[in-house]
N, C-alpha and C. Protein backbone atom coordinates (compact mmCIF):
# COMPACT_ATOMS: atom_id res chain seq x y z
N MET A 1 0.55 -1.20 0.18
CA MET A 1 -0.35 0.02 0.22
C MET A 1 1.04 1.20 -0.36
N HIS A 2 0.69 2.17 -1.09
CA HIS A 2 1.02 3.62 -1.01
C HIS A 2 0.03 4.46 -0.28
N ASN A 3 1.00 5.57 -0.01
CA ASN A 3 0.24 6.86 0.82
C ASN A 3 -0.70 7.25 -0.08
N LYS A 4 -1.75 7.53 0.62
CA LYS A 4 -3.42 8.02 -0.09
C LYS A 4 -2.62 9.46 -0.24
N VAL A 5 -3.36 9.87 -1.27
CA VAL A 5 -2.84 11.69 -1.72
C VAL A 5 -3.89 12.13 -1.72
N LYS A 6 -4.21 13.16 -0.77
CA LYS A 6 -5.01 14.28 -0.92
C LYS A 6 -5.02 15.53 -1.97
N GLU A 7 -6.06 15.60 -2.34
CA GLU A 7 -5.42 16.28 -3.40
C GLU A 7 -7.02 17.65 -3.51
N VAL A 8 -6.73 18.68 -3.10
CA VAL A 8 -7.51 19.77 -3.67
C VAL A 8 -7.13 20.63 -4.66
N LEU A 9 -8.53 20.89 -5.58
CA LEU A 9 -8.36 21.94 -6.46
C LEU A 9 -9.01 23.12 -6.39
N THR A 10 -8.36 24.19 -6.70
CA THR A 10 -8.78 25.35 -6.74
C THR A 10 -8.94 25.97 -8.07
N VAL A 11 -10.44 26.05 -8.58
CA VAL A 11 -10.45 26.30 -9.76
C VAL A 11 -10.52 27.99 -9.77
N ARG A 12 -9.51 28.93 -10.55
CA ARG A 12 -10.17 30.04 -10.84
C ARG A 12 -10.08 30.41 -12.61
N TYR A 13 -11.10 31.63 -12.98
CA TYR A 13 -11.30 31.40 -14.38
C TYR A 13 -11.48 33.05 -14.67
N ALA A 14 -11.12 33.32 -15.76
CA ALA A 14 -11.11 34.95 -16.35
C ALA A 14 -12.19 35.41 -16.73
N HIS A 15 -12.85 36.48 -16.90
CA HIS A 15 -13.72 36.85 -17.18
C HIS A 15 -13.70 37.24 -18.78
N SER A 16 -14.86 37.48 -19.77
CA SER A 16 -14.25 37.72 -20.75
C SER A 16 -14.02 39.57 -20.96
N ASP A 17 -13.67 39.86 -20.10
CA ASP A 17 -13.32 41.37 -20.11
C ASP A 17 -11.83 41.41 -19.37
N GLY A 18 -11.07 40.37 -19.26
CA GLY A 18 -9.58 39.94 -18.92
C GLY A 18 -9.87 39.96 -17.21
N CYS A 19 -10.73 40.29 -16.23
CA CYS A 19 -10.61 40.38 -15.24
C CYS A 19 -10.36 39.22 -14.47
N VAL A 20 -9.84 38.91 -13.61
CA VAL A 20 -9.60 37.42 -12.95
C VAL A 20 -10.47 37.38 -11.85
N ALA A 21 -11.46 36.23 -11.65
CA ALA A 21 -12.30 36.45 -10.87
C ALA A 21 -11.78 35.45 -9.46
N ALA A 22 -12.68 35.79 -8.32
CA ALA A 22 -12.12 35.25 -7.12
C ALA A 22 -12.17 33.59 -7.33
N LYS A 23 -11.78 33.15 -6.58
CA LYS A 23 -11.61 31.48 -6.51
C LYS A 23 -13.21 31.15 -6.65
N ILE A 24 -13.40 29.90 -7.43
CA ILE A 24 -14.61 29.51 -7.60
C ILE A 24 -15.19 28.49 -6.46
N LYS A 25 -14.53 27.36 -6.02
CA LYS A 25 -14.83 26.50 -5.65
C LYS A 25 -13.55 25.60 -4.92
N GLU A 26 -13.48 24.83 -4.28
CA GLU A 26 -12.54 23.75 -3.72
C GLU A 26 -13.26 22.46 -3.47
N TYR A 27 -12.16 21.63 -4.27
CA TYR A 27 -12.89 20.22 -4.73
C TYR A 27 -12.35 19.27 -3.46
N PRO A 28 -11.94 19.38 -2.12
CA PRO A 28 -11.23 18.25 -1.35
C PRO A 28 -11.68 16.90 -1.63
N GLY A 29 -10.08 16.28 -1.86
CA GLY A 29 -11.04 14.93 -1.65
C GLY A 29 -11.22 14.08 -2.80
N CYS A 30 -11.77 14.78 -3.69
CA CYS A 30 -12.75 13.78 -4.51
C CYS A 30 -11.86 13.96 -6.05
N MET A 31 -10.70 14.04 -6.16
CA MET A 31 -9.89 14.14 -7.10
C MET A 31 -9.34 12.88 -7.44
N THR A 32 -9.18 11.85 -7.05
CA THR A 32 -8.68 10.82 -7.03
C THR A 32 -9.41 9.60 -7.91
N GLU A 33 -10.84 9.91 -8.05
CA GLU A 33 -11.53 8.75 -9.06
C GLU A 33 -11.99 9.73 -10.19
N VAL A 34 -11.01 10.82 -10.89
CA VAL A 34 -10.84 10.79 -11.76
C VAL A 34 -9.51 10.64 -12.84
N ASP A 35 -10.33 9.89 -14.33
CA ASP A 35 -9.32 8.88 -14.81
C ASP A 35 -8.91 10.33 -15.95
N ASP A 36 -10.07 10.99 -16.70
CA ASP A 36 -9.93 11.68 -17.73
C ASP A 36 -9.83 13.28 -17.05
N LEU A 37 -8.46 13.69 -16.79
CA LEU A 37 -8.45 15.08 -16.81
C LEU A 37 -9.45 16.34 -17.87
N ALA A 38 -9.05 15.51 -19.40
CA ALA A 38 -9.83 16.51 -19.98
C ALA A 38 -11.46 16.32 -20.10
N ASP A 39 -12.35 14.98 -19.58
CA ASP A 39 -13.76 14.88 -19.69
C ASP A 39 -13.78 15.76 -18.17
N LEU A 40 -12.87 16.01 -17.19
CA LEU A 40 -13.12 16.97 -16.06
C LEU A 40 -13.26 18.45 -16.58
N GLU A 41 -12.24 18.74 -17.21
CA GLU A 41 -12.04 20.07 -17.67
C GLU A 41 -13.29 20.69 -18.23
N TRP A 42 -13.67 19.61 -19.34
CA TRP A 42 -15.39 20.40 -19.79
C TRP A 42 -16.18 20.03 -18.87
N ASN A 43 -16.72 18.87 -18.11
CA ASN A 43 -17.31 19.59 -16.98
C ASN A 43 -17.29 20.89 -16.70
N LEU A 44 -15.88 20.66 -15.77
CA LEU A 44 -15.61 22.23 -15.07
C LEU A 44 -16.30 23.34 -16.13
N TYR A 45 -16.15 23.29 -17.28
CA TYR A 45 -16.59 24.54 -18.13
C TYR A 45 -17.96 24.65 -18.01
N ASP A 46 -18.72 23.58 -18.25
CA ASP A 46 -19.90 23.42 -18.43
C ASP A 46 -20.90 24.31 -17.14
N ALA A 47 -19.98 23.54 -16.01
CA ALA A 47 -20.27 23.87 -14.67
C ALA A 47 -20.49 25.54 -14.37
N LEU A 48 -19.11 25.82 -14.44
CA LEU A 48 -19.27 27.39 -14.49
C LEU A 48 -19.82 28.61 -15.40
N SER A 49 -20.19 27.37 -16.53
CA SER A 49 -20.91 28.37 -17.31
C SER A 49 -22.52 28.39 -16.69
N SER A 50 -23.09 27.30 -16.38
CA SER A 50 -24.27 27.25 -16.09
C SER A 50 -24.29 28.16 -14.85
N HIS A 51 -22.93 28.07 -13.79
CA HIS A 51 -23.08 28.96 -12.44
C HIS A 51 -23.27 30.59 -12.63
N THR A 52 -22.28 30.95 -13.76
CA THR A 52 -22.33 32.14 -13.79
C THR A 52 -23.07 32.77 -15.21
N GLY A 53 -23.92 31.94 -15.47
CA GLY A 53 -24.62 32.53 -17.01
C GLY A 53 -23.82 33.10 -18.07
N ARG A 54 -22.56 33.03 -18.38
CA ARG A 54 -22.08 32.95 -19.56
C ARG A 54 -21.02 32.05 -20.01
N THR A 55 -20.73 32.46 -20.76
CA THR A 55 -19.47 31.52 -21.94
C THR A 55 -18.40 31.28 -21.15
N ILE A 56 -17.45 30.39 -20.57
CA ILE A 56 -16.42 30.55 -20.02
C ILE A 56 -15.35 30.33 -21.77
N PRO A 57 -14.69 31.53 -21.97
CA PRO A 57 -13.76 30.62 -22.99
C PRO A 57 -12.87 29.62 -22.61
N GLU A 58 -12.56 28.74 -23.63
CA GLU A 58 -11.64 28.03 -23.57
C GLU A 58 -10.06 28.55 -22.94
N GLY A 59 -9.72 27.61 -22.08
CA GLY A 59 -8.12 27.95 -21.89
C GLY A 59 -8.19 28.97 -20.32
N SER A 60 -9.28 29.54 -20.26
CA SER A 60 -9.52 30.49 -19.09
C SER A 60 -9.53 30.09 -17.55
N ILE A 61 -9.17 28.88 -17.70
CA ILE A 61 -9.17 28.38 -16.09
C ILE A 61 -8.26 28.03 -16.03
N THR A 62 -7.66 28.70 -14.63
CA THR A 62 -6.45 28.27 -14.17
C THR A 62 -6.40 26.62 -12.83
N TRP A 63 -5.53 25.88 -13.15
CA TRP A 63 -6.02 24.59 -12.05
C TRP A 63 -4.91 24.84 -11.35
N ILE A 64 -4.87 24.87 -10.07
CA ILE A 64 -4.07 25.15 -8.87
C ILE A 64 -4.22 23.50 -8.01
N TRP A 65 -3.02 23.18 -8.03
CA TRP A 65 -3.19 21.79 -7.29
C TRP A 65 -2.39 21.45 -6.36
N GLN A 66 -2.69 21.45 -4.99
CA GLN A 66 -2.13 20.61 -3.99
C GLN A 66 -2.46 19.65 -3.61
N GLU A 67 -0.98 18.77 -3.55
CA GLU A 67 -1.37 17.15 -2.93
C GLU A 67 -0.24 17.16 -1.53
N VAL A 68 -1.26 16.43 -1.05
CA VAL A 68 -0.72 16.13 0.42
C VAL A 68 -0.72 14.77 0.71
N SER A 69 0.18 14.16 1.28
CA SER A 69 0.51 12.58 1.04
C SER A 69 -0.25 11.99 3.16
N GLU A 70 -1.17 11.09 2.80
CA GLU A 70 -1.32 11.12 4.62
C GLU A 70 -1.19 9.55 4.27
N ASP A 71 -0.20 9.09 5.52
CA ASP A 71 -0.52 7.59 5.55
C ASP A 71 -1.70 6.76 5.88
N ASP A 72 -1.24 5.44 5.37
CA ASP A 72 -2.46 4.87 5.42
C ASP A 72 -2.84 4.59 7.40
């Protein structure tokens, strides 16, 4: 058994006017199940578009990962 990795993803996105928005959401401990980051990225774009009511341009999301090892 190797150490579990706790991953926290902070998502930031840029408004169409070029301003950077505040942190949208943190996803503690739920990223280890994701096999395909491309699918995750499209899902996040869709979710952010729905949340903000505006189209989020491709490439405007900044991914900020923090990984913390935890012993079993």
